[in-house]
Amino acid sequence: MLSLLNGQFISSLVSIRKFAVEGISAQAVVDEPATAELGWLLQRYEAGEPVALSAQQGNALLDRLGRDIRRAWSPDGWAMRWGSMPSSEP
């Protein structure tokens, strides 16, 4: 999930059925398609398409996932934090 400055969220769900390659985690495999889908949804959002979750929907999803998972790291080292982003206004 990505939190937008206006309180809305963009979310992506990617899963794999079966994966067993030594040395590569399932998380590493789904990381790129999930990131790509978030980018594609963000492009659609910026083009005015209604692809974002409302603040209420996004927070309900976070509640279902568990509020303790407000931070995640990808296998490649970037970090994502859930919740409100700081405003860009002074």
PDB file of N, CA and C in Angstrom:
ATOM      1  N   MET A   1       0.838  -1.184   0.000  1.00  0.00           N
ATOM      2  CA  MET A   1       0.000   0.000   0.000  1.00  0.00           C
ATOM      3  C   MET A   1       0.876   1.238   0.000  1.00  0.00           C
ATOM      4  N   LEU A   2       0.414   2.232  -0.723  1.00  0.00           N
ATOM      5  CA  LEU A   2       1.054   3.537  -0.705  1.00  0.00           C
ATOM      6  C   LEU A   2       0.049   4.544  -0.178  1.00  0.00           C
ATOM      7  N   SER A   3       0.481   5.374   0.743  1.00  0.00           N
ATOM      8  CA  SER A   3      -0.355   6.434   1.277  1.00  0.00           C
ATOM      9  C   SER A   3      -0.112   7.697   0.451  1.00  0.00           C
ATOM     10  N   LEU A   4      -1.194   8.300  -0.026  1.00  0.00           N
ATOM     11  CA  LEU A   4      -1.090   9.521  -0.817  1.00  0.00           C
ATOM     12  C   LEU A   4      -1.236  10.735   0.094  1.00  0.00           C
ATOM     13  N   LEU A   5      -0.757  11.874  -0.360  1.00  0.00           N
ATOM     14  CA  LEU A   5      -0.789  13.091   0.452  1.00  0.00           C
ATOM     15  C   LEU A   5      -2.201  13.529   0.823  1.00  0.00           C
ATOM     16  N   ASN A   6      -3.194  13.158   0.020  1.00  0.00           N
ATOM     17  CA  ASN A   6      -4.573  13.573   0.297  1.00  0.00           C
ATOM     18  C   ASN A   6      -5.302  12.598   1.224  1.00  0.00           C
ATOM     19  N   GLY A   7      -4.600  11.603   1.766  1.00  0.00           N
ATOM     20  CA  GLY A   7      -5.205  10.641   2.686  1.00  0.00           C
ATOM     21  C   GLY A   7      -5.707   9.376   2.027  1.00  0.00           C
ATOM     22  N   GLN A   8      -5.729   9.343   0.701  1.00  0.00           N
ATOM     23  CA  GLN A   8      -6.149   8.139   0.002  1.00  0.00           C
ATOM     24  C   GLN A   8      -4.984   7.140  -0.065  1.00  0.00           C
ATOM     25  N   PHE A   9      -5.273   5.932  -0.528  1.00  0.00           N
ATOM     26  CA  PHE A   9      -4.268   4.879  -0.643  1.00  0.00           C
ATOM     27  C   PHE A   9      -4.318   4.233  -2.019  1.00  0.00           C
ATOM     28  N   ILE A  10      -3.180   3.769  -2.472  1.00  0.00           N
ATOM     29  CA  ILE A  10      -3.082   2.914  -3.648  1.00  0.00           C
ATOM     30  C   ILE A  10      -2.607   1.569  -3.110  1.00  0.00           C
ATOM     31  N   SER A  11      -3.259   0.484  -3.510  1.00  0.00           N
ATOM     32  CA  SER A  11      -2.843  -0.820  -2.994  1.00  0.00           C
ATOM     33  C   SER A  11      -2.682  -1.827  -4.123  1.00  0.00           C
ATOM     34  N   SER A  12      -1.825  -2.784  -3.875  1.00  0.00           N
ATOM     35  CA  SER A  12      -1.554  -3.842  -4.828  1.00  0.00           C
ATOM     36  C   SER A  12      -1.511  -5.165  -4.084  1.00  0.00           C
ATOM     37  N   LEU A  13      -2.023  -6.206  -4.686  1.00  0.00           N
ATOM     38  CA  LEU A  13      -1.962  -7.535  -4.109  1.00  0.00           C
ATOM     39  C   LEU A  13      -1.423  -8.477  -5.173  1.00  0.00           C
ATOM     40  N   VAL A  14      -0.286  -9.068  -4.902  1.00  0.00           N
ATOM     41  CA  VAL A  14       0.329 -10.016  -5.826  1.00  0.00           C
ATOM     42  C   VAL A  14       0.603 -11.289  -5.050  1.00  0.00           C
ATOM     43  N   SER A  15       0.263 -12.408  -5.634  1.00  0.00           N
ATOM     44  CA  SER A  15       0.551 -13.681  -4.988  1.00  0.00           C
ATOM     45  C   SER A  15       1.062 -14.669  -6.019  1.00  0.00           C
ATOM     46  N   ILE A  16       1.756 -15.661  -5.524  1.00  0.00           N
ATOM     47  CA  ILE A  16       2.227 -16.726  -6.391  1.00  0.00           C
ATOM     48  C   ILE A  16       1.666 -18.041  -5.855  1.00  0.00           C
ATOM     49  N   ARG A  17       1.430 -18.980  -6.728  1.00  0.00           N
ATOM     50  CA  ARG A  17       0.852 -20.251  -6.297  1.00  0.00           C
ATOM     51  C   ARG A  17       1.871 -21.157  -5.636  1.00  0.00           C
ATOM     52  N   LYS A  18       2.994 -21.323  -6.276  1.00  0.00           N
ATOM     53  CA  LYS A  18       3.991 -22.248  -5.763  1.00  0.00           C
ATOM     54  C   LYS A  18       5.357 -21.775  -6.240  1.00  0.00           C
ATOM     55  N   PHE A  19       6.295 -21.740  -5.331  1.00  0.00           N
ATOM     56  CA  PHE A  19       7.621 -21.283  -5.707  1.00  0.00           C
ATOM     57  C   PHE A  19       8.645 -21.980  -4.827  1.00  0.00           C
ATOM     58  N   ALA A  20       9.603 -22.624  -5.449  1.00  0.00           N
ATOM     59  CA  ALA A  20      10.631 -23.329  -4.670  1.00  0.00           C
ATOM     60  C   ALA A  20      11.947 -23.328  -5.432  1.00  0.00           C
ATOM     61  N   VAL A  21      12.641 -22.211  -5.365  1.00  0.00           N
ATOM     62  CA  VAL A  21      13.967 -22.110  -5.950  1.00  0.00           C
ATOM     63  C   VAL A  21      14.909 -21.742  -4.817  1.00  0.00           C
ATOM     64  N   GLU A  22      15.880 -22.585  -4.592  1.00  0.00           N
ATOM     65  CA  GLU A  22      16.800 -22.359  -3.482  1.00  0.00           C
ATOM     66  C   GLU A  22      17.529 -21.033  -3.643  1.00  0.00           C
ATOM     67  N   GLY A  23      17.566 -20.278  -2.555  1.00  0.00           N
ATOM     68  CA  GLY A  23      18.282 -19.006  -2.554  1.00  0.00           C
ATOM     69  C   GLY A  23      17.452 -17.802  -2.953  1.00  0.00           C
ATOM     70  N   ILE A  24      16.225 -18.027  -3.411  1.00  0.00           N
ATOM     71  CA  ILE A  24      15.349 -16.919  -3.799  1.00  0.00           C
ATOM     72  C   ILE A  24      14.044 -17.074  -3.027  1.00  0.00           C
ATOM     73  N   SER A  25      13.671 -16.044  -2.294  1.00  0.00           N
ATOM     74  CA  SER A  25      12.428 -16.123  -1.514  1.00  0.00           C
ATOM     75  C   SER A  25      11.222 -15.782  -2.386  1.00  0.00           C
ATOM     76  N   ALA A  26      10.077 -16.273  -1.968  1.00  0.00           N
ATOM     77  CA  ALA A  26       8.834 -15.931  -2.669  1.00  0.00           C
ATOM     78  C   ALA A  26       8.609 -14.427  -2.638  1.00  0.00           C
ATOM     79  N   GLN A  27       8.978 -13.773  -1.518  1.00  0.00           N
ATOM     80  CA  GLN A  27       8.840 -12.318  -1.404  1.00  0.00           C
ATOM     81  C   GLN A  27       9.659 -11.610  -2.481  1.00  0.00           C
ATOM     82  N   ALA A  28      10.854 -12.106  -2.749  1.00  0.00           N
ATOM     83  CA  ALA A  28      11.698 -11.498  -3.782  1.00  0.00           C
ATOM     84  C   ALA A  28      11.060 -11.627  -5.161  1.00  0.00           C
ATOM     85  N   VAL A  29      10.346 -12.718  -5.386  1.00  0.00           N
ATOM     86  CA  VAL A  29       9.705 -12.943  -6.685  1.00  0.00           C
ATOM     87  C   VAL A  29       8.523 -11.997  -6.890  1.00  0.00           C
ATOM     88  N   VAL A  30       7.714 -11.780  -5.865  1.00  0.00           N
ATOM     89  CA  VAL A  30       6.525 -10.934  -6.017  1.00  0.00           C
ATOM     90  C   VAL A  30       6.826  -9.448  -5.846  1.00  0.00           C
ATOM     91  N   ASP A  31       8.008  -9.115  -5.357  1.00  0.00           N
ATOM     92  CA  ASP A  31       8.369  -7.719  -5.104  1.00  0.00           C
ATOM     93  C   ASP A  31       8.276  -6.859  -6.370  1.00  0.00           C
ATOM     94  N   GLU A  32       8.851  -7.318  -7.453  1.00  0.00           N
ATOM     95  CA  GLU A  32       8.860  -6.514  -8.683  1.00  0.00           C
ATOM     96  C   GLU A  32       7.471  -6.350  -9.295  1.00  0.00           C
ATOM     97  N   PRO A  33       6.668  -7.421  -9.441  1.00  0.00           N
ATOM     98  CA  PRO A  33       5.321  -7.199  -9.996  1.00  0.00           C
ATOM     99  C   PRO A  33       4.451  -6.306  -9.110  1.00  0.00           C
ATOM    100  N   ALA A  34       4.595  -6.423  -7.788  1.00  0.00           N
ATOM    101  CA  ALA A  34       3.807  -5.563  -6.888  1.00  0.00           C
ATOM    102  C   ALA A  34       4.207  -4.107  -7.052  1.00  0.00           C
ATOM    103  N   THR A  35       5.509  -3.856  -7.132  1.00  0.00           N
ATOM    104  CA  THR A  35       5.997  -2.490  -7.319  1.00  0.00           C
ATOM    105  C   THR A  35       5.552  -1.946  -8.675  1.00  0.00           C
ATOM    106  N   ALA A  36       5.618  -2.781  -9.703  1.00  0.00           N
ATOM    107  CA  ALA A  36       5.192  -2.360 -11.041  1.00  0.00           C
ATOM    108  C   ALA A  36       3.700  -2.043 -11.059  1.00  0.00           C
ATOM    109  N   GLU A  37       2.891  -2.877 -10.376  1.00  0.00           N
ATOM    110  CA  GLU A  37       1.454  -2.617 -10.339  1.00  0.00           C
ATOM    111  C   GLU A  37       1.152  -1.316  -9.606  1.00  0.00           C
ATOM    112  N   LEU A  38       1.858  -1.063  -8.498  1.00  0.00           N
ATOM    113  CA  LEU A  38       1.657   0.204  -7.787  1.00  0.00           C
ATOM    114  C   LEU A  38       1.992   1.388  -8.686  1.00  0.00           C
ATOM    115  N   GLY A  39       3.078   1.284  -9.457  1.00  0.00           N
ATOM    116  CA  GLY A  39       3.447   2.350 -10.384  1.00  0.00           C
ATOM    117  C   GLY A  39       2.399   2.563 -11.454  1.00  0.00           C
ATOM    118  N   TRP A  40       1.873   1.474 -11.994  1.00  0.00           N
ATOM    119  CA  TRP A  40       0.831   1.550 -13.021  1.00  0.00           C
ATOM    120  C   TRP A  40      -0.437   2.176 -12.450  1.00  0.00           C
ATOM    121  N   LEU A  41      -0.826   1.769 -11.228  1.00  0.00           N
ATOM    122  CA  LEU A  41      -2.008   2.350 -10.598  1.00  0.00           C
ATOM    123  C   LEU A  41      -1.803   3.831 -10.287  1.00  0.00           C
ATOM    124  N   LEU A  42      -0.602   4.207  -9.885  1.00  0.00           N
ATOM    125  CA  LEU A  42      -0.319   5.611  -9.607  1.00  0.00           C
ATOM    126  C   LEU A  42      -0.416   6.448 -10.882  1.00  0.00           C
ATOM    127  N   GLN A  43       0.048   5.918 -12.005  1.00  0.00           N
ATOM    128  CA  GLN A  43      -0.093   6.621 -13.289  1.00  0.00           C
ATOM    129  C   GLN A  43      -1.569   6.815 -13.621  1.00  0.00           C
ATOM    130  N   ARG A  44      -2.375   5.775 -13.425  1.00  0.00           N
ATOM    131  CA  ARG A  44      -3.809   5.869 -13.691  1.00  0.00           C
ATOM    132  C   ARG A  44      -4.464   6.889 -12.756  1.00  0.00           C
ATOM    133  N   TYR A  45      -4.040   6.892 -11.479  1.00  0.00           N
ATOM    134  CA  TYR A  45      -4.566   7.854 -10.499  1.00  0.00           C
ATOM    135  C   TYR A  45      -4.250   9.285 -10.940  1.00  0.00           C
ATOM    136  N   GLU A  46      -3.011   9.515 -11.348  1.00  0.00           N
ATOM    137  CA  GLU A  46      -2.606  10.850 -11.793  1.00  0.00           C
ATOM    138  C   GLU A  46      -3.323  11.265 -13.067  1.00  0.00           C
ATOM    139  N   ALA A  47      -3.798  10.302 -13.853  1.00  0.00           N
ATOM    140  CA  ALA A  47      -4.566  10.603 -15.063  1.00  0.00           C
ATOM    141  C   ALA A  47      -6.045  10.834 -14.748  1.00  0.00           C
ATOM    142  N   GLY A  48      -6.402  10.754 -13.459  1.00  0.00           N
ATOM    143  CA  GLY A  48      -7.766  11.044 -13.051  1.00  0.00           C
ATOM    144  C   GLY A  48      -8.677   9.832 -12.939  1.00  0.00           C
ATOM    145  N   GLU A  49      -8.141   8.639 -13.082  1.00  0.00           N
ATOM    146  CA  GLU A  49      -8.975   7.444 -12.964  1.00  0.00           C
ATOM    147  C   GLU A  49      -9.217   7.124 -11.480  1.00  0.00           C
ATOM    148  N   PRO A  50     -10.380   6.600 -11.150  1.00  0.00           N
ATOM    149  CA  PRO A  50     -10.726   6.322  -9.745  1.00  0.00           C
ATOM    150  C   PRO A  50     -10.159   4.984  -9.259  1.00  0.00           C
ATOM    151  N   VAL A  51      -8.844   4.927  -9.060  1.00  0.00           N
ATOM    152  CA  VAL A  51      -8.201   3.681  -8.645  1.00  0.00           C
ATOM    153  C   VAL A  51      -7.752   3.696  -7.189  1.00  0.00           C
ATOM    154  N   ALA A  52      -7.839   4.839  -6.525  1.00  0.00           N
ATOM    155  CA  ALA A  52      -7.369   4.955  -5.141  1.00  0.00           C
ATOM    156  C   ALA A  52      -8.451   4.508  -4.164  1.00  0.00           C
ATOM    157  N   LEU A  53      -7.991   3.987  -3.040  1.00  0.00           N
ATOM    158  CA  LEU A  53      -8.887   3.687  -1.923  1.00  0.00           C
ATOM    159  C   LEU A  53      -9.083   4.965  -1.113  1.00  0.00           C
ATOM    160  N   SER A  54     -10.260   5.147  -0.560  1.00  0.00           N
ATOM    161  CA  SER A  54     -10.478   6.282   0.331  1.00  0.00           C
ATOM    162  C   SER A  54      -9.677   6.059   1.602  1.00  0.00           C
ATOM    163  N   ALA A  55      -9.548   7.105   2.412  1.00  0.00           N
ATOM    164  CA  ALA A  55      -8.852   6.973   3.695  1.00  0.00           C
ATOM    165  C   ALA A  55      -9.534   5.904   4.547  1.00  0.00           C
ATOM    166  N   GLN A  56     -10.862   5.889   4.531  1.00  0.00           N
ATOM    167  CA  GLN A  56     -11.608   4.903   5.318  1.00  0.00           C
ATOM    168  C   GLN A  56     -11.332   3.486   4.819  1.00  0.00           C
ATOM    169  N   GLN A  57     -11.345   3.272   3.502  1.00  0.00           N
ATOM    170  CA  GLN A  57     -11.079   1.948   2.948  1.00  0.00           C
ATOM    171  C   GLN A  57      -9.644   1.506   3.231  1.00  0.00           C
ATOM    172  N   GLY A  58      -8.689   2.427   3.064  1.00  0.00           N
ATOM    173  CA  GLY A  58      -7.289   2.099   3.298  1.00  0.00           C
ATOM    174  C   GLY A  58      -7.016   1.752   4.748  1.00  0.00           C
ATOM    175  N   ASN A  59      -7.595   2.526   5.662  1.00  0.00           N
ATOM    176  CA  ASN A  59      -7.414   2.233   7.081  1.00  0.00           C
ATOM    177  C   ASN A  59      -8.100   0.933   7.481  1.00  0.00           C
ATOM    178  N   ALA A  60      -9.246   0.619   6.861  1.00  0.00           N
ATOM    179  CA  ALA A  60      -9.913  -0.660   7.136  1.00  0.00           C
ATOM    180  C   ALA A  60      -9.036  -1.820   6.663  1.00  0.00           C
ATOM    181  N   LEU A  61      -8.393  -1.657   5.518  1.00  0.00           N
ATOM    182  CA  LEU A  61      -7.484  -2.694   5.021  1.00  0.00           C
ATOM    183  C   LEU A  61      -6.297  -2.862   5.967  1.00  0.00           C
ATOM    184  N   LEU A  62      -5.740  -1.754   6.429  1.00  0.00           N
ATOM    185  CA  LEU A  62      -4.643  -1.840   7.399  1.00  0.00           C
ATOM    186  C   LEU A  62      -5.098  -2.521   8.687  1.00  0.00           C
ATOM    187  N   ASP A  63      -6.322  -2.255   9.110  1.00  0.00           N
ATOM    188  CA  ASP A  63      -6.854  -2.918  10.305  1.00  0.00           C
ATOM    189  C   ASP A  63      -6.930  -4.426  10.094  1.00  0.00           C
ATOM    190  N   ARG A  64      -7.376  -4.839   8.900  1.00  0.00           N
ATOM    191  CA  ARG A  64      -7.456  -6.279   8.614  1.00  0.00           C
ATOM    192  C   ARG A  64      -6.073  -6.916   8.567  1.00  0.00           C
ATOM    193  N   LEU A  65      -5.099  -6.171   8.038  1.00  0.00           N
ATOM    194  CA  LEU A  65      -3.734  -6.693   7.954  1.00  0.00           C
ATOM    195  C   LEU A  65      -3.053  -6.697   9.311  1.00  0.00           C
ATOM    196  N   GLY A  66      -3.474  -5.806  10.178  1.00  0.00           N
ATOM    197  CA  GLY A  66      -2.865  -5.679  11.502  1.00  0.00           C
ATOM    198  C   GLY A  66      -2.070  -4.390  11.574  1.00  0.00           C
ATOM    199  N   ARG A  67      -2.434  -3.544  12.487  1.00  0.00           N
ATOM    200  CA  ARG A  67      -1.798  -2.229  12.601  1.00  0.00           C
ATOM    201  C   ARG A  67      -0.315  -2.309  12.911  1.00  0.00           C
ATOM    202  N   ASP A  68       0.168  -3.445  13.414  1.00  0.00           N
ATOM    203  CA  ASP A  68       1.589  -3.550  13.745  1.00  0.00           C
ATOM    204  C   ASP A  68       2.460  -3.661  12.503  1.00  0.00           C
ATOM    205  N   ILE A  69       1.877  -3.915  11.331  1.00  0.00           N
ATOM    206  CA  ILE A  69       2.694  -4.001  10.122  1.00  0.00           C
ATOM    207  C   ILE A  69       2.658  -2.669   9.380  1.00  0.00           C
ATOM    208  N   ARG A  70       3.154  -1.653   9.997  1.00  0.00           N
ATOM    209  CA  ARG A  70       3.183  -0.323   9.391  1.00  0.00           C
ATOM    210  C   ARG A  70       4.477  -0.092   8.618  1.00  0.00           C
ATOM    211  N   ARG A  71       5.327  -1.053   8.585  1.00  0.00           N
ATOM    212  CA  ARG A  71       6.596  -0.871   7.894  1.00  0.00           C
ATOM    213  C   ARG A  71       6.968  -2.191   7.238  1.00  0.00           C
ATOM    214  N   ALA A  72       7.449  -2.134   6.037  1.00  0.00           N
ATOM    215  CA  ALA A  72       7.897  -3.348   5.348  1.00  0.00           C
ATOM    216  C   ALA A  72       9.160  -3.024   4.557  1.00  0.00           C
ATOM    217  N   TRP A  73       9.977  -3.999   4.401  1.00  0.00           N
ATOM    218  CA  TRP A  73      11.201  -3.831   3.628  1.00  0.00           C
ATOM    219  C   TRP A  73      11.185  -4.821   2.486  1.00  0.00           C
ATOM    220  N   SER A  74      11.642  -4.402   1.344  1.00  0.00           N
ATOM    221  CA  SER A  74      11.738  -5.316   0.216  1.00  0.00           C
ATOM    222  C   SER A  74      13.064  -6.058   0.300  1.00  0.00           C
ATOM    223  N   PRO A  75      13.172  -7.165  -0.410  1.00  0.00           N
ATOM    224  CA  PRO A  75      14.453  -7.880  -0.434  1.00  0.00           C
ATOM    225  C   PRO A  75      15.584  -7.032  -1.014  1.00  0.00           C
ATOM    226  N   ASP A  76      15.236  -6.031  -1.832  1.00  0.00           N
ATOM    227  CA  ASP A  76      16.261  -5.181  -2.443  1.00  0.00           C
ATOM    228  C   ASP A  76      16.677  -4.024  -1.551  1.00  0.00           C
ATOM    229  N   GLY A  77      16.044  -3.884  -0.395  1.00  0.00           N
ATOM    230  CA  GLY A  77      16.504  -2.905   0.578  1.00  0.00           C
ATOM    231  C   GLY A  77      15.699  -1.634   0.708  1.00  0.00           C
ATOM    232  N   TRP A  78      14.723  -1.360  -0.166  1.00  0.00           N
ATOM    233  CA  TRP A  78      13.948  -0.135   0.030  1.00  0.00           C
ATOM    234  C   TRP A  78      12.895  -0.393   1.092  1.00  0.00           C
ATOM    235  N   ALA A  79      12.473   0.662   1.740  1.00  0.00           N
ATOM    236  CA  ALA A  79      11.494   0.533   2.816  1.00  0.00           C
ATOM    237  C   ALA A  79      10.221   1.281   2.462  1.00  0.00           C
ATOM    238  N   MET A  80       9.105   0.756   2.920  1.00  0.00           N
ATOM    239  CA  MET A  80       7.824   1.415   2.729  1.00  0.00           C
ATOM    240  C   MET A  80       7.173   1.548   4.095  1.00  0.00           C
ATOM    241  N   ARG A  81       6.607   2.707   4.365  1.00  0.00           N
ATOM    242  CA  ARG A  81       5.913   2.905   5.633  1.00  0.00           C
ATOM    243  C   ARG A  81       4.449   3.199   5.329  1.00  0.00           C
ATOM    244  N   TRP A  82       3.548   2.607   6.106  1.00  0.00           N
ATOM    245  CA  TRP A  82       2.130   2.874   5.956  1.00  0.00           C
ATOM    246  C   TRP A  82       1.714   3.978   6.900  1.00  0.00           C
ATOM    247  N   GLY A  83       0.684   4.668   6.537  1.00  0.00           N
ATOM    248  CA  GLY A  83       0.166   5.729   7.387  1.00  0.00           C
ATOM    249  C   GLY A  83       0.251   7.053   6.671  1.00  0.00           C
ATOM    250  N   SER A  84       0.095   8.092   7.410  1.00  0.00           N
ATOM    251  CA  SER A  84       0.082   9.426   6.822  1.00  0.00           C
ATOM    252  C   SER A  84       1.465   9.864   6.400  1.00  0.00           C
ATOM    253  N   MET A  85       1.513  10.488   5.248  1.00  0.00           N
ATOM    254  CA  MET A  85       2.766  11.069   4.776  1.00  0.00           C
ATOM    255  C   MET A  85       2.773  12.528   5.184  1.00  0.00           C
ATOM    256  N   PRO A  86       3.941  13.078   5.430  1.00  0.00           N
ATOM    257  CA  PRO A  86       3.998  14.506   5.772  1.00  0.00           C
ATOM    258  C   PRO A  86       3.524  15.366   4.619  1.00  0.00           C
ATOM    259  N   SER A  87       2.873  16.438   4.931  1.00  0.00           N
ATOM    260  CA  SER A  87       2.392  17.353   3.913  1.00  0.00           C
ATOM    261  C   SER A  87       3.556  18.049   3.239  1.00  0.00           C
ATOM    262  N   SER A  88       3.407  18.341   1.953  1.00  0.00           N
ATOM    263  CA  SER A  88       4.462  19.058   1.234  1.00  0.00           C
ATOM    264  C   SER A  88       4.310  20.567   1.398  1.00  0.00           C
ATOM    265  N   GLU A  89       3.234  20.980   2.043  1.00  0.00           N
ATOM    266  CA  GLU A  89       3.036  22.407   2.265  1.00  0.00           C
ATOM    267  C   GLU A  89       3.816  22.882   3.489  1.00  0.00           C
ATOM    268  N   PRO A  90       4.324  24.137   3.455  1.00  0.00           N
ATOM    269  CA  PRO A  90       5.074  24.647   4.606  1.00  0.00           C
ATOM    270  C   PRO A  90       4.221  24.845   5.836  1.00  0.00           C
TER     271      PRO A  90
END
